[in-house]
Amino acid sequence: MDLNSAQWRKSTRSGSSGGNCVEVADNLPGVVGVRDSKDPTGPALVFGPVAWRAFVQHAKQH
């Protein structure tokens, strides 16, 4: 998966997390990329948009 054109962003809620942040790229067609903000050249996970929305919805409930 080529993520070179990904536009990565951190959550606005990650400001006080002590550097333990993830970045999300949701500008790519058909995929959502997720990576560790402390290791931007490291591996990234890739999810389908439906799976990512389900994960975020579940996380918001807990």
Protein backbone atom coordinates (compact mmCIF):
# COMPACT_ATOMS: atom_id res chain seq x y z
CA MET A 1 0.00 0.00 0.00
CA ASP A 2 1.47 3.33 -1.07
CA LEU A 3 0.90 5.93 1.65
CA ASN A 4 3.24 8.58 0.20
CA SER A 5 0.37 10.99 -0.51
CA ALA A 6 -1.21 10.48 2.91
CA GLN A 7 -1.98 13.63 4.87
CA TRP A 8 -1.40 12.65 8.49
CA ARG A 9 -3.13 14.36 11.41
CA LYS A 10 -3.21 13.91 15.17
CA SER A 11 -6.34 14.00 17.24
CA THR A 12 -7.04 17.31 18.93
CA ARG A 13 -7.38 15.26 22.12
CA SER A 14 -3.80 13.99 21.98
CA GLY A 15 -2.20 17.16 23.38
CA SER A 16 -1.72 15.91 26.94
CA SER A 17 -0.90 12.29 26.22
CA GLY A 18 2.84 12.61 26.84
CA GLY A 19 3.78 11.77 23.26
CA ASN A 20 1.74 8.57 23.00
CA CYS A 21 -0.20 9.59 19.93
CA VAL A 22 -1.39 8.05 16.75
CA GLU A 23 -1.80 9.85 13.47
CA VAL A 24 -4.57 9.13 11.00
CA ALA A 25 -4.64 9.69 7.25
CA ASP A 26 -8.16 9.61 5.86
CA ASN A 27 -7.56 11.44 2.60
CA LEU A 28 -6.79 8.33 0.55
CA PRO A 29 -9.48 6.62 -1.53
CA GLY A 30 -10.80 3.47 0.11
CA VAL A 31 -8.35 3.27 3.02
CA VAL A 32 -7.54 4.89 6.36
CA GLY A 33 -3.92 4.83 7.50
CA VAL A 34 -2.88 4.82 11.16
CA ARG A 35 0.67 5.23 12.46
CA ASP A 36 2.64 6.01 15.61
CA SER A 37 3.40 9.73 15.69
CA LYS A 38 6.78 9.06 17.35
CA ASP A 39 7.83 6.87 14.41
CA PRO A 40 6.52 8.51 11.23
CA THR A 41 8.78 6.43 8.99
CA GLY A 42 7.83 3.20 10.74
CA PRO A 43 5.02 0.82 9.87
CA ALA A 44 1.45 1.96 9.38
CA LEU A 45 -1.77 0.04 9.72
CA VAL A 46 -4.35 0.29 6.96
CA PHE A 47 -8.09 -0.11 7.49
CA GLY A 48 -11.11 0.07 5.27
CA PRO A 49 -13.31 3.11 5.97
CA VAL A 50 -16.18 1.00 7.34
CA ALA A 51 -13.89 -0.85 9.77
CA TRP A 52 -12.28 2.42 10.88
CA ARG A 53 -15.66 4.09 11.54
CA ALA A 54 -16.78 1.05 13.56
CA PHE A 55 -13.57 1.18 15.63
CA VAL A 56 -13.92 4.92 16.33
CA GLN A 57 -17.59 4.53 17.23
CA HIS A 58 -16.78 1.71 19.63
CA ALA A 59 -13.88 3.65 21.19
CA LYS A 60 -16.14 6.66 21.79
CA GLN A 61 -18.59 4.45 23.69
CA HIS A 62 -15.93 3.17 26.11
